[in-house]
């Protein structure tokens, strides 16, 4: 996701996201999709990997999605791939050690 050739995609993603939050009713399907679809995917993976039980999956999926999107936004803004990649690895490592 953080490969240099993906930077254009992420710039467009965050531009579209910003535009959609200014007109949420007009772009409700888009906003729901880029949040709820990802929360379901991440939550299912966290449960399947034994990181968290179903009861706590939504909260941890929300935190995970927000953190990774924040890191991607940071990368787009700063271009600091080393720092943001190290932070992503730290987050992934923390998730592996999380248990219900």
PDB file of N, CA and C in Angstrom:
ATOM      1  N   UNK A   1       0.816  -1.197   0.000  1.00  0.00           N
ATOM      2  CA  UNK A   1       0.000   0.000   0.000  1.00  0.00           C
ATOM      3  C   UNK A   1       0.862   1.265   0.000  1.00  0.00           C
ATOM      4  N   UNK A   2       2.051   1.162   0.555  1.00  0.00           N
ATOM      5  CA  UNK A   2       2.910   2.337   0.667  1.00  0.00           C
ATOM      6  C   UNK A   2       3.968   2.397  -0.430  1.00  0.00           C
ATOM      7  N   UNK A   3       3.874   1.528  -1.413  1.00  0.00           N
ATOM      8  CA  UNK A   3       4.846   1.528  -2.506  1.00  0.00           C
ATOM      9  C   UNK A   3       4.786   2.867  -3.246  1.00  0.00           C
ATOM     10  N   UNK A   4       5.915   3.346  -3.708  1.00  0.00           N
ATOM     11  CA  UNK A   4       5.934   4.646  -4.399  1.00  0.00           C
ATOM     12  C   UNK A   4       4.933   4.742  -5.546  1.00  0.00           C
ATOM     13  N   UNK A   5       4.726   3.662  -6.262  1.00  0.00           N
ATOM     14  CA  UNK A   5       3.794   3.721  -7.400  1.00  0.00           C
ATOM     15  C   UNK A   5       2.335   3.849  -6.958  1.00  0.00           C
ATOM     16  N   UNK A   6       2.055   3.686  -5.673  1.00  0.00           N
ATOM     17  CA  UNK A   6       0.691   3.843  -5.153  1.00  0.00           C
ATOM     18  C   UNK A   6       0.388   5.259  -4.676  1.00  0.00           C
ATOM     19  N   UNK A   7       1.382   6.128  -4.649  1.00  0.00           N
ATOM     20  CA  UNK A   7       1.182   7.462  -4.064  1.00  0.00           C
ATOM     21  C   UNK A   7       0.084   8.256  -4.781  1.00  0.00           C
ATOM     22  N   UNK A   8      -0.011   8.135  -6.094  1.00  0.00           N
ATOM     23  CA  UNK A   8      -1.079   8.838  -6.813  1.00  0.00           C
ATOM     24  C   UNK A   8      -2.458   8.360  -6.395  1.00  0.00           C
ATOM     25  N   UNK A   9      -2.585   7.055  -6.207  1.00  0.00           N
ATOM     26  CA  UNK A   9      -3.866   6.500  -5.759  1.00  0.00           C
ATOM     27  C   UNK A   9      -4.248   7.102  -4.409  1.00  0.00           C
ATOM     28  N   UNK A  10      -3.301   7.123  -3.467  1.00  0.00           N
ATOM     29  CA  UNK A  10      -3.621   7.605  -2.119  1.00  0.00           C
ATOM     30  C   UNK A  10      -3.905   9.097  -2.111  1.00  0.00           C
ATOM     31  N   UNK A  11      -3.208   9.845  -2.937  1.00  0.00           N
ATOM     32  CA  UNK A  11      -3.522  11.279  -3.033  1.00  0.00           C
ATOM     33  C   UNK A  11      -4.975  11.464  -3.508  1.00  0.00           C
ATOM     34  N   UNK A  12      -5.345  10.715  -4.530  1.00  0.00           N
ATOM     35  CA  UNK A  12      -6.712  10.787  -5.038  1.00  0.00           C
ATOM     36  C   UNK A  12      -7.705  10.306  -3.983  1.00  0.00           C
ATOM     37  N   UNK A  13      -7.393   9.214  -3.299  1.00  0.00           N
ATOM     38  CA  UNK A  13      -8.271   8.669  -2.264  1.00  0.00           C
ATOM     39  C   UNK A  13      -8.578   9.722  -1.208  1.00  0.00           C
ATOM     40  N   UNK A  14      -7.538  10.374  -0.679  1.00  0.00           N
ATOM     41  CA  UNK A  14      -7.763  11.351   0.380  1.00  0.00           C
ATOM     42  C   UNK A  14      -8.457  12.606  -0.142  1.00  0.00           C
ATOM     43  N   UNK A  15      -8.211  12.962  -1.391  1.00  0.00           N
ATOM     44  CA  UNK A  15      -8.931  14.087  -1.987  1.00  0.00           C
ATOM     45  C   UNK A  15     -10.416  13.751  -2.118  1.00  0.00           C
ATOM     46  N   UNK A  16     -10.720  12.563  -2.615  1.00  0.00           N
ATOM     47  CA  UNK A  16     -12.122  12.138  -2.753  1.00  0.00           C
ATOM     48  C   UNK A  16     -12.790  12.011  -1.388  1.00  0.00           C
ATOM     49  N   UNK A  17     -12.076  11.484  -0.424  1.00  0.00           N
ATOM     50  CA  UNK A  17     -12.603  11.331   0.938  1.00  0.00           C
ATOM     51  C   UNK A  17     -12.967  12.707   1.507  1.00  0.00           C
ATOM     52  N   UNK A  18     -12.044  13.659   1.371  1.00  0.00           N
ATOM     53  CA  UNK A  18     -12.303  15.014   1.859  1.00  0.00           C
ATOM     54  C   UNK A  18     -13.503  15.649   1.183  1.00  0.00           C
ATOM     55  N   UNK A  19     -13.616  15.450  -0.118  1.00  0.00           N
ATOM     56  CA  UNK A  19     -14.766  15.988  -0.850  1.00  0.00           C
ATOM     57  C   UNK A  19     -16.062  15.346  -0.348  1.00  0.00           C
ATOM     58  N   UNK A  20     -16.034  14.043  -0.130  1.00  0.00           N
ATOM     59  CA  UNK A  20     -17.238  13.329   0.304  1.00  0.00           C
ATOM     60  C   UNK A  20     -17.687  13.747   1.699  1.00  0.00           C
ATOM     61  N   UNK A  21     -16.764  14.007   2.605  1.00  0.00           N
ATOM     62  CA  UNK A  21     -17.188  14.391   3.955  1.00  0.00           C
ATOM     63  C   UNK A  21     -17.763  15.808   3.988  1.00  0.00           C
ATOM     64  N   UNK A  22     -17.481  16.593   2.951  1.00  0.00           N
ATOM     65  CA  UNK A  22     -18.110  17.913   2.873  1.00  0.00           C
ATOM     66  C   UNK A  22     -19.565  17.815   2.440  1.00  0.00           C
ATOM     67  N   UNK A  23     -19.914  16.741   1.747  1.00  0.00           N
ATOM     68  CA  UNK A  23     -21.292  16.519   1.290  1.00  0.00           C
ATOM     69  C   UNK A  23     -21.697  15.076   1.609  1.00  0.00           C
ATOM     70  N   UNK A  24     -21.789  14.731   2.897  1.00  0.00           N
ATOM     71  CA  UNK A  24     -22.002  13.332   3.276  1.00  0.00           C
ATOM     72  C   UNK A  24     -23.294  12.712   2.765  1.00  0.00           C
ATOM     73  N   UNK A  25     -24.350  13.478   2.665  1.00  0.00           N
ATOM     74  CA  UNK A  25     -25.599  12.887   2.176  1.00  0.00           C
ATOM     75  C   UNK A  25     -25.485  12.514   0.696  1.00  0.00           C
ATOM     76  N   UNK A  26     -24.825  13.340  -0.054  1.00  0.00           N
ATOM     77  CA  UNK A  26     -24.647  13.072  -1.487  1.00  0.00           C
ATOM     78  C   UNK A  26     -23.746  11.854  -1.717  1.00  0.00           C
ATOM     79  N   UNK A  27     -22.779  11.668  -0.842  1.00  0.00           N
ATOM     80  CA  UNK A  27     -21.786  10.604  -1.027  1.00  0.00           C
ATOM     81  C   UNK A  27     -21.881   9.516   0.046  1.00  0.00           C
ATOM     82  N   UNK A  28     -23.080   9.323   0.609  1.00  0.00           N
ATOM     83  CA  UNK A  28     -23.281   8.357   1.687  1.00  0.00           C
ATOM     84  C   UNK A  28     -22.797   6.956   1.312  1.00  0.00           C
ATOM     85  N   UNK A  29     -23.129   6.468   0.134  1.00  0.00           N
ATOM     86  CA  UNK A  29     -22.713   5.119  -0.261  1.00  0.00           C
ATOM     87  C   UNK A  29     -21.193   4.996  -0.297  1.00  0.00           C
ATOM     88  N   UNK A  30     -20.528   6.003  -0.839  1.00  0.00           N
ATOM     89  CA  UNK A  30     -19.067   6.008  -0.886  1.00  0.00           C
ATOM     90  C   UNK A  30     -18.499   5.982   0.527  1.00  0.00           C
ATOM     91  N   UNK A  31     -18.986   6.874   1.386  1.00  0.00           N
ATOM     92  CA  UNK A  31     -18.468   6.955   2.756  1.00  0.00           C
ATOM     93  C   UNK A  31     -18.715   5.670   3.530  1.00  0.00           C
ATOM     94  N   UNK A  32     -19.917   5.124   3.401  1.00  0.00           N
ATOM     95  CA  UNK A  32     -20.210   3.867   4.090  1.00  0.00           C
ATOM     96  C   UNK A  32     -19.297   2.761   3.587  1.00  0.00           C
ATOM     97  N   UNK A  33     -19.088   2.712   2.293  1.00  0.00           N
ATOM     98  CA  UNK A  33     -18.260   1.661   1.721  1.00  0.00           C
ATOM     99  C   UNK A  33     -16.816   1.720   2.171  1.00  0.00           C
ATOM    100  N   UNK A  34     -16.248   2.923   2.204  1.00  0.00           N
ATOM    101  CA  UNK A  34     -14.834   3.002   2.569  1.00  0.00           C
ATOM    102  C   UNK A  34     -14.605   2.902   4.069  1.00  0.00           C
ATOM    103  N   UNK A  35     -15.683   2.894   4.823  1.00  0.00           N
ATOM    104  CA  UNK A  35     -15.549   2.671   6.259  1.00  0.00           C
ATOM    105  C   UNK A  35     -16.086   1.284   6.613  1.00  0.00           C
ATOM    106  N   UNK A  36     -17.360   1.068   6.402  1.00  0.00           N
ATOM    107  CA  UNK A  36     -17.981  -0.180   6.865  1.00  0.00           C
ATOM    108  C   UNK A  36     -17.414  -1.420   6.178  1.00  0.00           C
ATOM    109  N   UNK A  37     -17.161  -1.344   4.886  1.00  0.00           N
ATOM    110  CA  UNK A  37     -16.598  -2.506   4.193  1.00  0.00           C
ATOM    111  C   UNK A  37     -15.234  -2.874   4.764  1.00  0.00           C
ATOM    112  N   UNK A  38     -14.409  -1.858   5.005  1.00  0.00           N
ATOM    113  CA  UNK A  38     -13.078  -2.117   5.565  1.00  0.00           C
ATOM    114  C   UNK A  38     -13.167  -2.604   7.009  1.00  0.00           C
ATOM    115  N   UNK A  39     -14.090  -2.047   7.802  1.00  0.00           N
ATOM    116  CA  UNK A  39     -14.228  -2.509   9.190  1.00  0.00           C
ATOM    117  C   UNK A  39     -14.613  -3.979   9.237  1.00  0.00           C
ATOM    118  N   UNK A  40     -15.501  -4.382   8.357  1.00  0.00           N
ATOM    119  CA  UNK A  40     -15.911  -5.785   8.296  1.00  0.00           C
ATOM    120  C   UNK A  40     -14.728  -6.668   7.915  1.00  0.00           C
ATOM    121  N   UNK A  41     -14.012  -6.284   6.891  1.00  0.00           N
ATOM    122  CA  UNK A  41     -12.859  -7.055   6.433  1.00  0.00           C
ATOM    123  C   UNK A  41     -11.796  -7.171   7.524  1.00  0.00           C
ATOM    124  N   UNK A  42     -11.440  -6.060   8.124  1.00  0.00           N
ATOM    125  CA  UNK A  42     -10.410  -6.066   9.174  1.00  0.00           C
ATOM    126  C   UNK A  42     -10.900  -6.829  10.395  1.00  0.00           C
ATOM    127  N   UNK A  43     -12.128  -6.579  10.820  1.00  0.00           N
ATOM    128  CA  UNK A  43     -12.678  -7.278  11.983  1.00  0.00           C
ATOM    129  C   UNK A  43     -12.708  -8.781  11.786  1.00  0.00           C
ATOM    130  N   UNK A  44     -13.156  -9.221  10.616  1.00  0.00           N
ATOM    131  CA  UNK A  44     -13.183 -10.660  10.325  1.00  0.00           C
ATOM    132  C   UNK A  44     -11.779 -11.249  10.363  1.00  0.00           C
ATOM    133  N   UNK A  45     -10.815 -10.529   9.831  1.00  0.00           N
ATOM    134  CA  UNK A  45      -9.438 -11.013   9.837  1.00  0.00           C
ATOM    135  C   UNK A  45      -8.897 -11.091  11.270  1.00  0.00           C
ATOM    136  N   UNK A  46      -9.167 -10.067  12.073  1.00  0.00           N
ATOM    137  CA  UNK A  46      -8.685 -10.073  13.462  1.00  0.00           C
ATOM    138  C   UNK A  46      -9.280 -11.231  14.250  1.00  0.00           C
ATOM    139  N   UNK A  47     -10.552 -11.496  14.028  1.00  0.00           N
ATOM    140  CA  UNK A  47     -11.204 -12.623  14.706  1.00  0.00           C
ATOM    141  C   UNK A  47     -10.625 -13.939  14.195  1.00  0.00           C
ATOM    142  N   UNK A  48     -10.517 -14.076  12.891  1.00  0.00           N
ATOM    143  CA  UNK A  48     -10.007 -15.300  12.288  1.00  0.00           C
ATOM    144  C   UNK A  48      -8.582 -15.613  12.696  1.00  0.00           C
ATOM    145  N   UNK A  49      -7.789 -14.572  12.913  1.00  0.00           N
ATOM    146  CA  UNK A  49      -6.390 -14.758  13.318  1.00  0.00           C
ATOM    147  C   UNK A  49      -6.251 -14.959  14.822  1.00  0.00           C
ATOM    148  N   UNK A  50      -7.379 -14.898  15.534  1.00  0.00           N
ATOM    149  CA  UNK A  50      -7.340 -15.102  16.980  1.00  0.00           C
ATOM    150  C   UNK A  50      -6.819 -13.914  17.760  1.00  0.00           C
ATOM    151  N   UNK A  51      -6.794 -12.744  17.131  1.00  0.00           N
ATOM    152  CA  UNK A  51      -6.292 -11.552  17.801  1.00  0.00           C
ATOM    153  C   UNK A  51      -7.315 -11.014  18.791  1.00  0.00           C
ATOM    154  N   UNK A  52      -8.593 -11.134  18.447  1.00  0.00           N
ATOM    155  CA  UNK A  52      -9.656 -10.553  19.258  1.00  0.00           C
ATOM    156  C   UNK A  52     -10.915 -11.394  19.083  1.00  0.00           C
ATOM    157  N   UNK A  53     -11.791 -11.361  20.091  1.00  0.00           N
ATOM    158  CA  UNK A  53     -13.060 -12.070  19.948  1.00  0.00           C
ATOM    159  C   UNK A  53     -14.054 -11.170  19.216  1.00  0.00           C
ATOM    160  N   UNK A  54     -15.144 -11.750  18.763  1.00  0.00           N
ATOM    161  CA  UNK A  54     -16.134 -11.028  17.961  1.00  0.00           C
ATOM    162  C   UNK A  54     -16.667  -9.807  18.706  1.00  0.00           C
ATOM    163  N   UNK A  55     -16.828  -9.902  20.006  1.00  0.00           N
ATOM    164  CA  UNK A  55     -17.368  -8.800  20.803  1.00  0.00           C
ATOM    165  C   UNK A  55     -16.493  -7.541  20.722  1.00  0.00           C
ATOM    166  N   UNK A  56     -15.188  -7.722  20.626  1.00  0.00           N
ATOM    167  CA  UNK A  56     -14.266  -6.591  20.621  1.00  0.00           C
ATOM    168  C   UNK A  56     -13.719  -6.260  19.226  1.00  0.00           C
ATOM    169  N   UNK A  57     -14.158  -6.990  18.227  1.00  0.00           N
ATOM    170  CA  UNK A  57     -13.605  -6.829  16.883  1.00  0.00           C
ATOM    171  C   UNK A  57     -13.882  -5.449  16.296  1.00  0.00           C
ATOM    172  N   UNK A  58     -15.063  -4.912  16.492  1.00  0.00           N
ATOM    173  CA  UNK A  58     -15.414  -3.628  15.885  1.00  0.00           C
ATOM    174  C   UNK A  58     -14.518  -2.509  16.402  1.00  0.00           C
ATOM    175  N   UNK A  59     -14.298  -2.475  17.702  1.00  0.00           N
ATOM    176  CA  UNK A  59     -13.456  -1.415  18.281  1.00  0.00           C
ATOM    177  C   UNK A  59     -12.021  -1.523  17.788  1.00  0.00           C
ATOM    178  N   UNK A  60     -11.470  -2.717  17.785  1.00  0.00           N
ATOM    179  CA  UNK A  60     -10.083  -2.883  17.349  1.00  0.00           C
ATOM    180  C   UNK A  60      -9.953  -2.670  15.835  1.00  0.00           C
ATOM    181  N   UNK A  61     -10.948  -3.074  15.075  1.00  0.00           N
ATOM    182  CA  UNK A  61     -10.931  -2.820  13.633  1.00  0.00           C
ATOM    183  C   UNK A  61     -10.989  -1.322  13.350  1.00  0.00           C
ATOM    184  N   UNK A  62     -11.790  -0.593  14.109  1.00  0.00           N
ATOM    185  CA  UNK A  62     -11.883   0.858  13.951  1.00  0.00           C
ATOM    186  C   UNK A  62     -10.548   1.515  14.248  1.00  0.00           C
ATOM    187  N   UNK A  63      -9.927   1.122  15.331  1.00  0.00           N
ATOM    188  CA  UNK A  63      -8.620   1.659  15.692  1.00  0.00           C
ATOM    189  C   UNK A  63      -7.574   1.322  14.624  1.00  0.00           C
ATOM    190  N   UNK A  64      -7.593   0.110  14.138  1.00  0.00           N
ATOM    191  CA  UNK A  64      -6.636  -0.335  13.124  1.00  0.00           C
ATOM    192  C   UNK A  64      -6.808   0.438  11.828  1.00  0.00           C
ATOM    193  N   UNK A  65      -8.049   0.561  11.361  1.00  0.00           N
ATOM    194  CA  UNK A  65      -8.317   1.290  10.127  1.00  0.00           C
ATOM    195  C   UNK A  65      -7.881   2.744  10.259  1.00  0.00           C
ATOM    196  N   UNK A  66      -8.229   3.370  11.364  1.00  0.00           N
ATOM    197  CA  UNK A  66      -7.864   4.772  11.570  1.00  0.00           C
ATOM    198  C   UNK A  66      -6.347   4.949  11.611  1.00  0.00           C
ATOM    199  N   UNK A  67      -5.669   4.045  12.271  1.00  0.00           N
ATOM    200  CA  UNK A  67      -4.208   4.156  12.372  1.00  0.00           C
ATOM    201  C   UNK A  67      -3.538   3.983  11.017  1.00  0.00           C
ATOM    202  N   UNK A  68      -3.922   2.963  10.273  1.00  0.00           N
ATOM    203  CA  UNK A  68      -3.294   2.754   8.971  1.00  0.00           C
ATOM    204  C   UNK A  68      -3.639   3.875   7.992  1.00  0.00           C
ATOM    205  N   UNK A  69      -4.866   4.359   8.022  1.00  0.00           N
ATOM    206  CA  UNK A  69      -5.208   5.480   7.137  1.00  0.00           C
ATOM    207  C   UNK A  69      -4.446   6.725   7.545  1.00  0.00           C
ATOM    208  N   UNK A  70      -4.289   6.927   8.823  1.00  0.00           N
ATOM    209  CA  UNK A  70      -3.500   8.064   9.297  1.00  0.00           C
ATOM    210  C   UNK A  70      -2.056   7.974   8.838  1.00  0.00           C
ATOM    211  N   UNK A  71      -1.500   6.782   8.885  1.00  0.00           N
ATOM    212  CA  UNK A  71      -0.129   6.596   8.419  1.00  0.00           C
ATOM    213  C   UNK A  71      -0.008   6.836   6.917  1.00  0.00           C
ATOM    214  N   UNK A  72      -1.009   6.393   6.167  1.00  0.00           N
ATOM    215  CA  UNK A  72      -0.988   6.646   4.723  1.00  0.00           C
ATOM    216  C   UNK A  72      -1.111   8.139   4.418  1.00  0.00           C
ATOM    217  N   UNK A  73      -1.961   8.834   5.162  1.00  0.00           N
ATOM    218  CA  UNK A  73      -2.084  10.277   4.975  1.00  0.00           C
ATOM    219  C   UNK A  73      -0.772  10.968   5.330  1.00  0.00           C
ATOM    220  N   UNK A  74      -0.148  10.537   6.406  1.00  0.00           N
ATOM    221  CA  UNK A  74       1.158  11.061   6.808  1.00  0.00           C
ATOM    222  C   UNK A  74       2.178  10.837   5.693  1.00  0.00           C
ATOM    223  N   UNK A  75       2.195   9.645   5.123  1.00  0.00           N
ATOM    224  CA  UNK A  75       3.118   9.334   4.034  1.00  0.00           C
ATOM    225  C   UNK A  75       2.891  10.245   2.831  1.00  0.00           C
ATOM    226  N   UNK A  76       1.627  10.431   2.458  1.00  0.00           N
ATOM    227  CA  UNK A  76       1.308  11.305   1.325  1.00  0.00           C
ATOM    228  C   UNK A  76       1.755  12.740   1.618  1.00  0.00           C
ATOM    229  N   UNK A  77       1.557  13.175   2.858  1.00  0.00           N
ATOM    230  CA  UNK A  77       1.884  14.555   3.221  1.00  0.00           C
ATOM    231  C   UNK A  77       3.391  14.795   3.346  1.00  0.00           C
ATOM    232  N   UNK A  78       4.106  13.804   3.876  1.00  0.00           N
ATOM    233  CA  UNK A  78       5.524  14.028   4.184  1.00  0.00           C
ATOM    234  C   UNK A  78       6.487  13.297   3.263  1.00  0.00           C
ATOM    235  N   UNK A  79       6.034  12.194   2.666  1.00  0.00           N
ATOM    236  CA  UNK A  79       6.926  11.374   1.857  1.00  0.00           C
ATOM    237  C   UNK A  79       7.906  10.560   2.677  1.00  0.00           C
ATOM    238  N   UNK A  80       7.752  10.558   3.998  1.00  0.00           N
ATOM    239  CA  UNK A  80       8.687   9.843   4.876  1.00  0.00           C
ATOM    240  C   UNK A  80       8.298   8.369   4.982  1.00  0.00           C
ATOM    241  N   UNK A  81       8.703   7.613   3.988  1.00  0.00           N
ATOM    242  CA  UNK A  81       8.350   6.200   3.889  1.00  0.00           C
ATOM    243  C   UNK A  81       8.999   5.378   5.009  1.00  0.00           C
ATOM    244  N   UNK A  82      10.230   5.679   5.379  1.00  0.00           N
ATOM    245  CA  UNK A  82      10.910   4.907   6.422  1.00  0.00           C
ATOM    246  C   UNK A  82      10.178   5.018   7.760  1.00  0.00           C
ATOM    247  N   UNK A  83       9.847   6.245   8.162  1.00  0.00           N
ATOM    248  CA  UNK A  83       9.190   6.458   9.450  1.00  0.00           C
ATOM    249  C   UNK A  83       7.784   5.871   9.475  1.00  0.00           C
ATOM    250  N   UNK A  84       7.014   6.119   8.428  1.00  0.00           N
ATOM    251  CA  UNK A  84       5.641   5.617   8.421  1.00  0.00           C
ATOM    252  C   UNK A  84       5.607   4.098   8.289  1.00  0.00           C
ATOM    253  N   UNK A  85       6.541   3.523   7.548  1.00  0.00           N
ATOM    254  CA  UNK A  85       6.601   2.060   7.447  1.00  0.00           C
ATOM    255  C   UNK A  85       6.992   1.444   8.779  1.00  0.00           C
ATOM    256  N   UNK A  86       7.922   2.067   9.494  1.00  0.00           N
ATOM    257  CA  UNK A  86       8.301   1.571  10.823  1.00  0.00           C
ATOM    258  C   UNK A  86       7.106   1.623  11.771  1.00  0.00           C
ATOM    259  N   UNK A  87       6.333   2.696  11.687  1.00  0.00           N
ATOM    260  CA  UNK A  87       5.138   2.811  12.534  1.00  0.00           C
ATOM    261  C   UNK A  87       4.106   1.745  12.169  1.00  0.00           C
ATOM    262  N   UNK A  88       3.930   1.475  10.879  1.00  0.00           N
ATOM    263  CA  UNK A  88       2.986   0.437  10.448  1.00  0.00           C
ATOM    264  C   UNK A  88       3.435  -0.935  10.952  1.00  0.00           C
ATOM    265  N   UNK A  89       4.728  -1.209  10.883  1.00  0.00           N
ATOM    266  CA  UNK A  89       5.231  -2.483  11.411  1.00  0.00           C
ATOM    267  C   UNK A  89       5.008  -2.575  12.922  1.00  0.00           C
ATOM    268  N   UNK A  90       5.211  -1.465  13.626  1.00  0.00           N
ATOM    269  CA  UNK A  90       4.982  -1.457  15.075  1.00  0.00           C
ATOM    270  C   UNK A  90       3.515  -1.723  15.391  1.00  0.00           C
ATOM    271  N   UNK A  91       2.617  -1.116  14.634  1.00  0.00           N
ATOM    272  CA  UNK A  91       1.189  -1.353  14.839  1.00  0.00           C
ATOM    273  C   UNK A  91       0.845  -2.812  14.567  1.00  0.00           C
ATOM    274  N   UNK A  92       1.344  -3.345  13.464  1.00  0.00           N
ATOM    275  CA  UNK A  92       1.070  -4.757  13.140  1.00  0.00           C
ATOM    276  C   UNK A  92       1.602  -5.656  14.238  1.00  0.00           C
ATOM    277  N   UNK A  93       2.777  -5.368  14.763  1.00  0.00           N
ATOM    278  CA  UNK A  93       3.330  -6.166  15.857  1.00  0.00           C
ATOM    279  C   UNK A  93       2.489  -6.070  17.107  1.00  0.00           C
ATOM    280  N   UNK A  94       1.974  -4.900  17.397  1.00  0.00           N
ATOM    281  CA  UNK A  94       1.111  -4.729  18.570  1.00  0.00           C
ATOM    282  C   UNK A  94      -0.185  -5.524  18.405  1.00  0.00           C
ATOM    283  N   UNK A  95      -0.712  -5.551  17.194  1.00  0.00           N
ATOM    284  CA  UNK A  95      -1.942  -6.316  16.946  1.00  0.00           C
ATOM    285  C   UNK A  95      -1.715  -7.806  17.157  1.00  0.00           C
ATOM    286  N   UNK A  96      -0.561  -8.298  16.780  1.00  0.00           N
ATOM    287  CA  UNK A  96      -0.263  -9.721  16.933  1.00  0.00           C
ATOM    288  C   UNK A  96      -0.228 -10.107  18.407  1.00  0.00           C
ATOM    289  N   UNK A  97       0.213  -9.179  19.256  1.00  0.00           N
ATOM    290  CA  UNK A  97       0.314  -9.516  20.684  1.00  0.00           C
ATOM    291  C   UNK A  97      -0.945  -9.195  21.456  1.00  0.00           C
ATOM    292  N   UNK A  98      -1.952  -8.619  20.798  1.00  0.00           N
ATOM    293  CA  UNK A  98      -3.223  -8.297  21.460  1.00  0.00           C
ATOM    294  C   UNK A  98      -4.067  -9.562  21.580  1.00  0.00           C
ATOM    295  N   UNK A  99      -4.634  -9.780  22.719  1.00  0.00           N
ATOM    296  CA  UNK A  99      -5.531 -10.909  22.935  1.00  0.00           C
ATOM    297  C   UNK A  99      -6.742 -10.445  23.722  1.00  0.00           C
ATOM    298  N   UNK A 100      -7.899 -11.082  23.498  1.00  0.00           N
ATOM    299  CA  UNK A 100      -9.110 -10.679  24.235  1.00  0.00           C
ATOM    300  C   UNK A 100      -8.973 -10.929  25.726  1.00  0.00           C
TER     301      UNK A 100
END
